PDB file of all heavy atoms in Angstrom:
ATOM      1  N   ASN A   1       0.864  -1.242   0.026  1.00  0.00           N
ATOM      2  CA  ASN A   1       0.062   0.009   0.015  1.00  0.00           C
ATOM      3  C   ASN A   1       0.849   1.311  -0.042  1.00  0.00           C
ATOM      4  O   ASN A   1       0.666   2.251  -0.734  1.00  0.00           O
ATOM      5  CB  ASN A   1      -0.907   0.015   1.193  1.00  0.00           C
ATOM      6  CG  ASN A   1      -1.855   1.228   1.273  1.00  0.00           C
ATOM      7  OD1 ASN A   1      -1.482   2.203   1.882  1.00  0.00           O
ATOM      8  ND2 ASN A   1      -3.016   1.064   0.667  1.00  0.00           N
ATOM      9  N   ALA A   2       1.888   1.282   0.848  1.00  0.00           N
ATOM     10  CA  ALA A   2       2.889   2.420   0.866  1.00  0.00           C
ATOM     11  C   ALA A   2       3.512   2.537  -0.443  1.00  0.00           C
ATOM     12  O   ALA A   2       3.752   3.713  -0.956  1.00  0.00           O
ATOM     13  CB  ALA A   2       3.911   2.277   1.936  1.00  0.00           C
ATOM     14  N   CYS A   3       3.928   1.393  -1.077  1.00  0.00           N
ATOM     15  CA  CYS A   3       4.576   1.441  -2.444  1.00  0.00           C
ATOM     16  C   CYS A   3       3.611   2.059  -3.520  1.00  0.00           C
ATOM     17  O   CYS A   3       4.050   3.043  -4.328  1.00  0.00           O
ATOM     18  CB  CYS A   3       4.869   0.016  -2.854  1.00  0.00           C
ATOM     19  SG  CYS A   3       6.259  -0.701  -2.080  1.00  0.00           S
ATOM     20  N   HIS A   4       2.386   1.721  -3.490  1.00  0.00           N
ATOM     21  CA  HIS A   4       1.307   2.241  -4.327  1.00  0.00           C
ATOM     22  C   HIS A   4       1.206   3.708  -4.181  1.00  0.00           C
ATOM     23  O   HIS A   4       1.256   4.475  -5.182  1.00  0.00           O
ATOM     24  CB  HIS A   4      -0.040   1.604  -4.102  1.00  0.00           C
ATOM     25  CG  HIS A   4      -1.117   2.019  -4.913  1.00  0.00           C
ATOM     26  ND1 HIS A   4      -1.942   3.193  -4.573  1.00  0.00           N
ATOM     27  CD2 HIS A   4      -1.523   1.604  -6.214  1.00  0.00           C
ATOM     28  CE1 HIS A   4      -2.877   3.386  -5.578  1.00  0.00           C
ATOM     29  NE2 HIS A   4      -2.629   2.483  -6.511  1.00  0.00           N
ATOM     30  N   TYR A   5       1.191   4.178  -2.893  1.00  0.00           N
ATOM     31  CA  TYR A   5       1.152   5.620  -2.613  1.00  0.00           C
ATOM     32  C   TYR A   5       2.267   6.237  -3.155  1.00  0.00           C
ATOM     33  O   TYR A   5       2.158   7.394  -3.820  1.00  0.00           O
ATOM     34  CB  TYR A   5       0.844   5.822  -1.129  1.00  0.00           C
ATOM     35  CG  TYR A   5       0.969   7.276  -0.774  1.00  0.00           C
ATOM     36  CD1 TYR A   5      -0.090   8.139  -0.861  1.00  0.00           C
ATOM     37  CD2 TYR A   5       2.195   7.805  -0.158  1.00  0.00           C
ATOM     38  CE1 TYR A   5      -0.047   9.518  -0.621  1.00  0.00           C
ATOM     39  CE2 TYR A   5       2.274   9.191   0.117  1.00  0.00           C
ATOM     40  CZ  TYR A   5       1.199   9.945  -0.109  1.00  0.00           C
ATOM     41  OH  TYR A   5       1.217  11.269   0.288  1.00  0.00           O
ATOM     42  N   THR A   6       3.497   5.939  -2.956  1.00  0.00           N
ATOM     43  CA  THR A   6       4.705   6.392  -3.501  1.00  0.00           C
ATOM     44  C   THR A   6       4.726   6.462  -4.948  1.00  0.00           C
ATOM     45  O   THR A   6       5.158   7.547  -5.487  1.00  0.00           O
ATOM     46  CB  THR A   6       5.936   5.676  -2.799  1.00  0.00           C
ATOM     47  OG1 THR A   6       5.905   5.593  -1.369  1.00  0.00           O
ATOM     48  CG2 THR A   6       7.225   6.222  -3.338  1.00  0.00           C
ATOM     49  N   ASP A   7       4.350   5.389  -5.559  1.00  0.00           N
ATOM     50  CA  ASP A   7       4.310   5.378  -7.043  1.00  0.00           C
ATOM     51  C   ASP A   7       3.321   6.416  -7.528  1.00  0.00           C
ATOM     52  O   ASP A   7       3.562   7.161  -8.495  1.00  0.00           O
ATOM     53  CB  ASP A   7       3.856   3.962  -7.527  1.00  0.00           C
ATOM     54  CG  ASP A   7       4.885   2.916  -7.367  1.00  0.00           C
ATOM     55  OD1 ASP A   7       6.086   3.266  -6.973  1.00  0.00           O
ATOM     56  OD2 ASP A   7       4.515   1.742  -7.579  1.00  0.00           O
ATOM     57  N   HIS A   8       2.149   6.565  -6.875  1.00  0.00           N
ATOM     58  CA  HIS A   8       1.218   7.550  -7.290  1.00  0.00           C
ATOM     59  C   HIS A   8       1.770   9.054  -7.124  1.00  0.00           C
ATOM     60  O   HIS A   8       1.511   9.817  -8.120  1.00  0.00           O
ATOM     61  CB  HIS A   8      -0.074   7.465  -6.456  1.00  0.00           C
ATOM     62  CG  HIS A   8      -1.076   8.611  -6.760  1.00  0.00           C
ATOM     63  ND1 HIS A   8      -1.924   8.598  -7.939  1.00  0.00           N
ATOM     64  CD2 HIS A   8      -1.476   9.701  -5.913  1.00  0.00           C
ATOM     65  CE1 HIS A   8      -2.550   9.651  -7.789  1.00  0.00           C
ATOM     66  NE2 HIS A   8      -2.381  10.442  -6.657  1.00  0.00           N
ATOM     67  N   VAL A   9       2.506   9.318  -6.071  1.00  0.00           N
ATOM     68  CA  VAL A   9       2.999  10.605  -5.887  1.00  0.00           C
ATOM     69  C   VAL A   9       4.123  10.892  -6.903  1.00  0.00           C
ATOM     70  O   VAL A   9       4.162  11.974  -7.426  1.00  0.00           O
ATOM     71  CB  VAL A   9       3.537  10.862  -4.344  1.00  0.00           C
ATOM     72  CG1 VAL A   9       4.226  12.079  -4.220  1.00  0.00           C
ATOM     73  CG2 VAL A   9       2.374  10.782  -3.468  1.00  0.00           C
ATOM     74  N   ILE A  10       4.981   9.845  -7.211  1.00  0.00           N
ATOM     75  CA  ILE A  10       6.075  10.085  -8.179  1.00  0.00           C
ATOM     76  C   ILE A  10       5.345  10.249  -9.528  1.00  0.00           C
ATOM     77  O   ILE A  10       5.761  11.241 -10.206  1.00  0.00           O
ATOM     78  CB  ILE A  10       7.008   8.861  -8.144  1.00  0.00           C
ATOM     79  CG1 ILE A  10       7.819   8.740  -7.020  1.00  0.00           C
ATOM     80  CG2 ILE A  10       7.788   8.791  -9.529  1.00  0.00           C
ATOM     81  CD1 ILE A  10       8.671   7.569  -6.761  1.00  0.00           C
ATOM     82  N   GLY A  11       4.291   9.664  -9.856  1.00  0.00           N
ATOM     83  CA  GLY A  11       3.581   9.834 -11.147  1.00  0.00           C
ATOM     84  C   GLY A  11       3.073  11.170 -11.219  1.00  0.00           C
ATOM     85  O   GLY A  11       3.052  11.845 -12.305  1.00  0.00           O
ATOM     86  N   SER A  12       2.495  11.807 -10.113  1.00  0.00           N
ATOM     87  CA  SER A  12       2.052  13.121 -10.077  1.00  0.00           C
ATOM     88  C   SER A  12       3.196  14.075 -10.307  1.00  0.00           C
ATOM     89  O   SER A  12       2.964  15.171 -11.130  1.00  0.00           O
ATOM     90  CB  SER A  12       1.345  13.415  -8.727  1.00  0.00           C
ATOM     91  OG  SER A  12       0.243  12.626  -8.624  1.00  0.00           O
ATOM     92  N   TYR A  13       4.328  13.831  -9.707  1.00  0.00           N
ATOM     93  CA  TYR A  13       5.442  14.703  -9.935  1.00  0.00           C
ATOM     94  C   TYR A  13       6.013  14.776 -11.389  1.00  0.00           C
ATOM     95  O   TYR A  13       6.186  15.782 -11.972  1.00  0.00           O
ATOM     96  CB  TYR A  13       6.610  14.463  -9.032  1.00  0.00           C
ATOM     97  CG  TYR A  13       7.812  15.300  -9.161  1.00  0.00           C
ATOM     98  CD1 TYR A  13       7.742  16.634  -8.810  1.00  0.00           C
ATOM     99  CD2 TYR A  13       8.972  14.944  -9.715  1.00  0.00           C
ATOM    100  CE1 TYR A  13       8.755  17.488  -8.920  1.00  0.00           C
ATOM    101  CE2 TYR A  13      10.114  15.706  -9.810  1.00  0.00           C
ATOM    102  CZ  TYR A  13       9.986  16.986  -9.437  1.00  0.00           C
ATOM    103  OH  TYR A  13      11.031  17.862  -9.469  1.00  0.00           O
ATOM    104  N   LEU A  14       5.883  13.592 -11.992  1.00  0.00           N
ATOM    105  CA  LEU A  14       6.401  13.500 -13.536  1.00  0.00           C
ATOM    106  C   LEU A  14       5.321  14.185 -14.370  1.00  0.00           C
ATOM    107  O   LEU A  14       5.734  14.815 -15.253  1.00  0.00           O
ATOM    108  CB  LEU A  14       6.600  12.033 -13.834  1.00  0.00           C
ATOM    109  CG  LEU A  14       7.626  11.234 -13.120  1.00  0.00           C
ATOM    110  CD1 LEU A  14       7.642   9.676 -13.540  1.00  0.00           C
ATOM    111  CD2 LEU A  14       8.919  11.868 -13.314  1.00  0.00           C
ATOM    112  N   ALA A  15       4.129  13.981 -14.025  1.00  0.00           N
ATOM    113  CA  ALA A  15       3.093  14.730 -14.755  1.00  0.00           C
ATOM    114  C   ALA A  15       3.231  16.170 -14.620  1.00  0.00           C
ATOM    115  O   ALA A  15       3.153  17.034 -15.570  1.00  0.00           O
ATOM    116  CB  ALA A  15       1.605  14.296 -14.360  1.00  0.00           C
ATOM    117  N   HIS A  16       3.570  16.714 -13.456  1.00  0.00           N
ATOM    118  CA  HIS A  16       3.796  18.089 -13.171  1.00  0.00           C
ATOM    119  C   HIS A  16       5.007  18.589 -14.096  1.00  0.00           C
ATOM    120  O   HIS A  16       4.917  19.644 -14.650  1.00  0.00           O
ATOM    121  CB  HIS A  16       4.049  18.352 -11.722  1.00  0.00           C
ATOM    122  CG  HIS A  16       4.719  19.753 -11.419  1.00  0.00           C
ATOM    123  ND1 HIS A  16       3.933  20.786 -11.436  1.00  0.00           N
ATOM    124  CD2 HIS A  16       5.952  20.077 -11.060  1.00  0.00           C
ATOM    125  CE1 HIS A  16       4.649  21.930 -11.170  1.00  0.00           C
ATOM    126  NE2 HIS A  16       5.919  21.465 -10.906  1.00  0.00           N
ATOM    127  N   LEU A  17       6.050  17.877 -14.050  1.00  0.00           N
ATOM    128  CA  LEU A  17       7.242  18.238 -14.936  1.00  0.00           C
ATOM    129  C   LEU A  17       6.869  18.265 -16.496  1.00  0.00           C
ATOM    130  O   LEU A  17       7.285  19.264 -17.136  1.00  0.00           O
ATOM    131  CB  LEU A  17       8.398  17.230 -14.742  1.00  0.00           C
ATOM    132  CG  LEU A  17       8.970  17.132 -13.394  1.00  0.00           C
ATOM    133  CD1 LEU A  17      10.085  16.081 -13.385  1.00  0.00           C
ATOM    134  CD2 LEU A  17       9.658  18.461 -13.009  1.00  0.00           C
ATOM    135  N   LYS A  18       5.982  17.361 -16.796  1.00  0.00           N
ATOM    136  CA  LYS A  18       5.459  17.462 -18.280  1.00  0.00           C
ATOM    137  C   LYS A  18       4.659  18.706 -18.461  1.00  0.00           C
ATOM    138  O   LYS A  18       4.637  19.439 -19.560  1.00  0.00           O
ATOM    139  CB  LYS A  18       4.732  16.201 -18.584  1.00  0.00           C
ATOM    140  CG  LYS A  18       5.561  15.012 -18.709  1.00  0.00           C
ATOM    141  CD  LYS A  18       4.742  13.769 -19.081  1.00  0.00           C
ATOM    142  CE  LYS A  18       5.644  12.479 -19.002  1.00  0.00           C
ATOM    143  NZ  LYS A  18       5.002  11.199 -19.222  1.00  0.00           N
ATOM    144  N   GLU A  19       3.871  18.933 -17.494  1.00  0.00           N
ATOM    145  CA  GLU A  19       2.831  20.064 -17.579  1.00  0.00           C
ATOM    146  C   GLU A  19       3.519  21.490 -17.720  1.00  0.00           C
ATOM    147  O   GLU A  19       3.066  22.363 -18.440  1.00  0.00           O
ATOM    148  CB  GLU A  19       1.855  20.111 -16.367  1.00  0.00           C
ATOM    149  CG  GLU A  19       0.899  21.213 -16.274  1.00  0.00           C
ATOM    150  CD  GLU A  19       0.043  21.033 -14.997  1.00  0.00           C
ATOM    151  OE1 GLU A  19      -0.563  20.035 -14.738  1.00  0.00           O
ATOM    152  OE2 GLU A  19       0.046  22.074 -14.286  1.00  0.00           O
ATOM    153  N   ILE A  20       4.669  21.527 -17.117  1.00  0.00           N
ATOM    154  CA  ILE A  20       5.364  22.830 -17.043  1.00  0.00           C
ATOM    155  C   ILE A  20       6.423  22.910 -18.076  1.00  0.00           C
ATOM    156  O   ILE A  20       7.170  23.832 -18.257  1.00  0.00           O
ATOM    157  CB  ILE A  20       5.914  23.281 -15.599  1.00  0.00           C
ATOM    158  CG1 ILE A  20       7.006  22.262 -15.208  1.00  0.00           C
ATOM    159  CG2 ILE A  20       4.833  23.334 -14.559  1.00  0.00           C
ATOM    160  CD1 ILE A  20       7.755  22.734 -13.925  1.00  0.00           C
ATOM    161  N   GLY A  21       6.391  21.802 -18.859  1.00  0.00           N
ATOM    162  CA  GLY A  21       7.441  21.827 -20.078  1.00  0.00           C
ATOM    163  C   GLY A  21       8.782  21.485 -19.826  1.00  0.00           C
ATOM    164  O   GLY A  21       9.698  21.865 -20.730  1.00  0.00           O
ATOM    165  N   ILE A  22       9.257  20.954 -18.697  1.00  0.00           N
ATOM    166  CA  ILE A  22      10.690  20.630 -18.484  1.00  0.00           C
ATOM    167  C   ILE A  22      11.044  19.060 -18.390  1.00  0.00           C
ATOM    168  O   ILE A  22      12.118  18.778 -18.196  1.00  0.00           O
ATOM    169  CB  ILE A  22      11.236  21.368 -17.255  1.00  0.00           C
ATOM    170  CG1 ILE A  22      10.536  20.817 -15.873  1.00  0.00           C
ATOM    171  CG2 ILE A  22      11.053  22.901 -17.336  1.00  0.00           C
ATOM    172  CD1 ILE A  22      11.247  21.442 -14.693  1.00  0.00           C
ATOM    173  N   TYR A  23      10.040  18.351 -18.458  1.00  0.00           N
ATOM    174  CA  TYR A  23      10.230  16.867 -18.436  1.00  0.00           C
ATOM    175  C   TYR A  23      11.280  16.293 -19.390  1.00  0.00           C
ATOM    176  O   TYR A  23      12.197  15.637 -18.982  1.00  0.00           O
ATOM    177  CB  TYR A  23       8.938  16.153 -18.605  1.00  0.00           C
ATOM    178  CG  TYR A  23       9.136  14.520 -18.636  1.00  0.00           C
ATOM    179  CD1 TYR A  23       9.024  13.917 -17.402  1.00  0.00           C
ATOM    180  CD2 TYR A  23       9.231  13.804 -19.795  1.00  0.00           C
ATOM    181  CE1 TYR A  23       9.172  12.558 -17.414  1.00  0.00           C
ATOM    182  CE2 TYR A  23       9.460  12.591 -19.688  1.00  0.00           C
ATOM    183  CZ  TYR A  23       9.342  11.831 -18.577  1.00  0.00           C
ATOM    184  OH  TYR A  23       9.522  10.516 -18.479  1.00  0.00           O
ATOM    185  N   ASP A  24      11.235  16.646 -20.617  1.00  0.00           N
ATOM    186  CA  ASP A  24      12.096  16.134 -21.558  1.00  0.00           C
ATOM    187  C   ASP A  24      13.566  16.621 -21.503  1.00  0.00           C
ATOM    188  O   ASP A  24      14.387  16.118 -22.076  1.00  0.00           O
ATOM    189  CB  ASP A  24      11.565  16.490 -23.002  1.00  0.00           C
ATOM    190  CG  ASP A  24      10.279  15.890 -23.459  1.00  0.00           C
ATOM    191  OD1 ASP A  24      10.072  14.541 -23.002  1.00  0.00           O
ATOM    192  OD2 ASP A  24       9.446  16.388 -24.145  1.00  0.00           O
ATOM    193  N   ASN A  25      13.853  17.775 -20.705  1.00  0.00           N
ATOM    194  CA  ASN A  25      15.055  18.198 -20.469  1.00  0.00           C
ATOM    195  C   ASN A  25      15.531  18.060 -19.063  1.00  0.00           C
ATOM    196  O   ASN A  25      16.455  18.706 -18.537  1.00  0.00           O
ATOM    197  CB  ASN A  25      15.152  19.753 -20.732  1.00  0.00           C
ATOM    198  CG  ASN A  25      14.927  20.079 -22.181  1.00  0.00           C
ATOM    199  OD1 ASN A  25      15.478  19.298 -23.045  1.00  0.00           O
ATOM    200  ND2 ASN A  25      14.158  21.131 -22.500  1.00  0.00           N
ATOM    201  N   THR A  26      14.947  17.009 -18.422  1.00  0.00           N
ATOM    202  CA  THR A  26      15.291  16.654 -17.027  1.00  0.00           C
ATOM    203  C   THR A  26      15.766  15.271 -16.968  1.00  0.00           C
ATOM    204  O   THR A  26      15.062  14.245 -17.375  1.00  0.00           O
ATOM    205  CB  THR A  26      14.075  16.991 -16.128  1.00  0.00           C
ATOM    206  OG1 THR A  26      13.498  18.244 -16.321  1.00  0.00           O
ATOM    207  CG2 THR A  26      14.266  16.613 -14.729  1.00  0.00           C
ATOM    208  N   ILE A  27      16.930  15.004 -16.366  1.00  0.00           N
ATOM    209  CA  ILE A  27      17.295  13.748 -16.032  1.00  0.00           C
ATOM    210  C   ILE A  27      16.670  13.325 -14.676  1.00  0.00           C
ATOM    211  O   ILE A  27      16.906  14.039 -13.736  1.00  0.00           O
ATOM    212  CB  ILE A  27      18.936  13.458 -15.894  1.00  0.00           C
ATOM    213  CG1 ILE A  27      19.576  13.758 -17.199  1.00  0.00           C
ATOM    214  CG2 ILE A  27      19.324  12.159 -15.334  1.00  0.00           C
ATOM    215  CD1 ILE A  27      21.066  13.846 -17.197  1.00  0.00           C
ATOM    216  N   ILE A  28      15.953  12.297 -14.625  1.00  0.00           N
ATOM    217  CA  ILE A  28      15.191  11.941 -13.417  1.00  0.00           C
ATOM    218  C   ILE A  28      15.712  10.576 -12.939  1.00  0.00           C
ATOM    219  O   ILE A  28      15.815   9.529 -13.690  1.00  0.00           O
ATOM    220  CB  ILE A  28      13.766  11.714 -13.788  1.00  0.00           C
ATOM    221  CG1 ILE A  28      13.207  13.016 -14.292  1.00  0.00           C
ATOM    222  CG2 ILE A  28      12.943  11.204 -12.602  1.00  0.00           C
ATOM    223  CD1 ILE A  28      11.885  12.968 -15.002  1.00  0.00           C
ATOM    224  N   ILE A  29      16.171  10.498 -11.713  1.00  0.00           N
ATOM    225  CA  ILE A  29      16.661   9.270 -11.126  1.00  0.00           C
ATOM    226  C   ILE A  29      15.742   8.899  -9.942  1.00  0.00           C
ATOM    227  O   ILE A  29      15.635   9.807  -9.059  1.00  0.00           O
ATOM    228  CB  ILE A  29      18.100   9.443 -10.690  1.00  0.00           C
ATOM    229  CG1 ILE A  29      18.992   9.722 -11.758  1.00  0.00           C
ATOM    230  CG2 ILE A  29      18.698   8.159  -9.902  1.00  0.00           C
ATOM    231  CD1 ILE A  29      20.481  10.063 -11.480  1.00  0.00           C
ATOM    232  N   ILE A  30      15.202   7.763  -9.945  1.00  0.00           N
ATOM    233  CA  ILE A  30      14.314   7.385  -8.928  1.00  0.00           C
ATOM    234  C   ILE A  30      15.062   6.080  -8.237  1.00  0.00           C
ATOM    235  O   ILE A  30      15.389   5.112  -8.963  1.00  0.00           O
ATOM    236  CB  ILE A  30      12.977   6.879  -9.400  1.00  0.00           C
ATOM    237  CG1 ILE A  30      12.268   8.158 -10.130  1.00  0.00           C
ATOM    238  CG2 ILE A  30      12.084   6.362  -8.294  1.00  0.00           C
ATOM    239  CD1 ILE A  30      10.914   7.828 -10.887  1.00  0.00           C
ATOM    240  N   THR A  31      15.266   6.291  -6.989  1.00  0.00           N
ATOM    241  CA  THR A  31      16.024   5.162  -6.373  1.00  0.00           C
ATOM    242  C   THR A  31      15.633   5.081  -4.849  1.00  0.00           C
ATOM    243  O   THR A  31      15.081   5.966  -4.299  1.00  0.00           O
ATOM    244  CB  THR A  31      17.451   5.218  -6.463  1.00  0.00           C
ATOM    245  OG1 THR A  31      18.167   4.105  -6.032  1.00  0.00           O
ATOM    246  CG2 THR A  31      18.067   6.373  -5.715  1.00  0.00           C
ATOM    247  N   SER A  32      16.141   4.060  -4.260  1.00  0.00           N
ATOM    248  CA  SER A  32      16.057   3.879  -2.711  1.00  0.00           C
ATOM    249  C   SER A  32      17.510   3.916  -2.208  1.00  0.00           C
ATOM    250  O   SER A  32      18.356   3.497  -2.929  1.00  0.00           O
ATOM    251  CB  SER A  32      15.268   2.650  -2.374  1.00  0.00           C
ATOM    252  OG  SER A  32      15.330   2.266  -1.018  1.00  0.00           O
ATOM    253  N   TYR A  33      17.557   4.163  -0.981  1.00  0.00           N
ATOM    254  CA  TYR A  33      18.995   4.155  -0.420  1.00  0.00           C
ATOM    255  C   TYR A  33      19.273   2.896   0.450  1.00  0.00           C
ATOM    256  O   TYR A  33      20.327   2.669   0.889  1.00  0.00           O
ATOM    257  CB  TYR A  33      19.366   5.430   0.371  1.00  0.00           C
ATOM    258  CG  TYR A  33      18.590   5.705   1.648  1.00  0.00           C
ATOM    259  CD1 TYR A  33      19.200   5.178   2.867  1.00  0.00           C
ATOM    260  CD2 TYR A  33      17.279   6.402   1.667  1.00  0.00           C
ATOM    261  CE1 TYR A  33      18.540   5.397   4.058  1.00  0.00           C
ATOM    262  CE2 TYR A  33      16.731   6.694   2.819  1.00  0.00           C
ATOM    263  CZ  TYR A  33      17.328   6.154   4.070  1.00  0.00           C
ATOM    264  OH  TYR A  33      16.609   6.388   5.233  1.00  0.00           O
ATOM    265  N   HIS A  34      18.287   2.069   0.580  1.00  0.00           N
ATOM    266  CA  HIS A  34      18.341   0.685   1.143  1.00  0.00           C
ATOM    267  C   HIS A  34      17.129  -0.120   0.796  1.00  0.00           C
ATOM    268  O   HIS A  34      16.026   0.359   0.418  1.00  0.00           O
ATOM    269  CB  HIS A  34      18.604   0.770   2.648  1.00  0.00           C
ATOM    270  CG  HIS A  34      17.475   1.458   3.412  1.00  0.00           C
ATOM    271  ND1 HIS A  34      16.196   0.783   3.614  1.00  0.00           N
ATOM    272  CD2 HIS A  34      17.260   2.638   3.987  1.00  0.00           C
ATOM    273  CE1 HIS A  34      15.396   1.608   4.273  1.00  0.00           C
ATOM    274  NE2 HIS A  34      16.008   2.677   4.551  1.00  0.00           N
ATOM    275  N   HIS A  35      17.324  -1.373   1.014  1.00  0.00           N
ATOM    276  CA  HIS A  35      16.103  -2.301   0.766  1.00  0.00           C
ATOM    277  C   HIS A  35      15.228  -2.312   1.960  1.00  0.00           C
ATOM    278  O   HIS A  35      15.535  -1.732   2.971  1.00  0.00           O
ATOM    279  CB  HIS A  35      16.754  -3.663   0.460  1.00  0.00           C
ATOM    280  CG  HIS A  35      17.446  -4.263   1.672  1.00  0.00           C
ATOM    281  ND1 HIS A  35      18.805  -3.919   1.946  1.00  0.00           N
ATOM    282  CD2 HIS A  35      17.145  -5.184   2.557  1.00  0.00           C
ATOM    283  CE1 HIS A  35      19.182  -4.646   2.967  1.00  0.00           C
ATOM    284  NE2 HIS A  35      18.170  -5.412   3.420  1.00  0.00           N
ATOM    285  N   VAL A  36      14.173  -3.064   1.937  1.00  0.00           N
ATOM    286  CA  VAL A  36      13.195  -3.124   2.899  1.00  0.00           C
ATOM    287  C   VAL A  36      13.882  -3.851   4.070  1.00  0.00           C
ATOM    288  O   VAL A  36      14.436  -4.763   4.098  1.00  0.00           O
ATOM    289  CB  VAL A  36      12.000  -3.847   2.512  1.00  0.00           C
ATOM    290  CG1 VAL A  36      11.101  -4.213   3.659  1.00  0.00           C
ATOM    291  CG2 VAL A  36      11.333  -3.197   1.374  1.00  0.00           C
ATOM    292  N   HIS A  37      13.637  -3.221   5.385  1.00  0.00           N
ATOM    293  CA  HIS A  37      14.156  -3.733   6.639  1.00  0.00           C
ATOM    294  C   HIS A  37      13.127  -4.365   7.399  1.00  0.00           C
ATOM    295  O   HIS A  37      12.583  -3.786   8.280  1.00  0.00           O
ATOM    296  CB  HIS A  37      15.004  -2.709   7.407  1.00  0.00           C
ATOM    297  CG  HIS A  37      16.202  -2.223   6.742  1.00  0.00           C
ATOM    298  ND1 HIS A  37      16.698  -1.029   7.042  1.00  0.00           N
ATOM    299  CD2 HIS A  37      16.921  -2.680   5.641  1.00  0.00           C
ATOM    300  CE1 HIS A  37      17.780  -0.809   6.268  1.00  0.00           C
ATOM    301  NE2 HIS A  37      17.933  -1.775   5.435  1.00  0.00           N
ATOM    302  N   THR A  38      12.727  -5.514   7.056  1.00  0.00           N
ATOM    303  CA  THR A  38      11.735  -6.220   7.858  1.00  0.00           C
ATOM    304  C   THR A  38      11.948  -7.666   7.674  1.00  0.00           C
ATOM    305  O   THR A  38      12.506  -8.151   6.690  1.00  0.00           O
ATOM    306  CB  THR A  38      10.204  -5.876   7.351  1.00  0.00           C
ATOM    307  OG1 THR A  38       9.321  -6.617   8.344  1.00  0.00           O
ATOM    308  CG2 THR A  38       9.967  -6.154   6.040  1.00  0.00           C
ATOM    309  N   ALA A  39      11.600  -8.491   8.639  1.00  0.00           N
ATOM    310  CA  ALA A  39      11.713  -9.939   8.620  1.00  0.00           C
ATOM    311  C   ALA A  39      10.455 -10.670   8.249  1.00  0.00           C
ATOM    312  O   ALA A  39      10.547 -11.891   8.044  1.00  0.00           O
ATOM    313  CB  ALA A  39      12.197 -10.400   9.932  1.00  0.00           C
ATOM    314  N   ASN A  40       9.404  -9.953   7.962  1.00  0.00           N
ATOM    315  CA  ASN A  40       8.153 -10.751   7.828  1.00  0.00           C
ATOM    316  C   ASN A  40       7.562 -10.859   6.435  1.00  0.00           C
ATOM    317  O   ASN A  40       6.429 -10.976   6.044  1.00  0.00           O
ATOM    318  CB  ASN A  40       6.954  -9.932   8.627  1.00  0.00           C
ATOM    319  CG  ASN A  40       7.261 -10.023  10.149  1.00  0.00           C
ATOM    320  OD1 ASN A  40       7.937 -10.897  10.612  1.00  0.00           O
ATOM    321  ND2 ASN A  40       6.981  -8.889  10.874  1.00  0.00           N
ATOM    322  N   PHE A  41       8.619 -10.507   5.467  1.00  0.00           N
ATOM    323  CA  PHE A  41       8.146 -10.686   4.075  1.00  0.00           C
ATOM    324  C   PHE A  41       8.497 -11.939   3.389  1.00  0.00           C
ATOM    325  O   PHE A  41       8.191 -12.245   2.250  1.00  0.00           O
ATOM    326  CB  PHE A  41       8.800  -9.595   3.154  1.00  0.00           C
ATOM    327  CG  PHE A  41       8.269  -8.129   3.490  1.00  0.00           C
ATOM    328  CD1 PHE A  41       7.321  -7.933   4.533  1.00  0.00           C
ATOM    329  CD2 PHE A  41       8.529  -7.135   2.702  1.00  0.00           C
ATOM    330  CE1 PHE A  41       6.734  -6.620   4.749  1.00  0.00           C
ATOM    331  CE2 PHE A  41       8.037  -5.895   2.820  1.00  0.00           C
ATOM    332  CZ  PHE A  41       7.188  -5.716   3.932  1.00  0.00           C
ATOM    333  N   GLY A  42       9.250 -12.852   4.033  1.00  0.00           N
ATOM    334  CA  GLY A  42       9.693 -14.161   3.623  1.00  0.00           C
ATOM    335  C   GLY A  42      10.162 -14.146   2.178  1.00  0.00           C
ATOM    336  O   GLY A  42      11.048 -13.357   1.932  1.00  0.00           O
TER     337      GLY A  42
END
């Protein structure tokens, strides 16, 4: 659910960059600085 929310917000930001006309001239890097820290995902 948190992943879905984050994906939605990133999508909104990318749409904003397109709307203001700078998307095509922007290098966009989407990353995490670590993996999930939980033991319950098997």
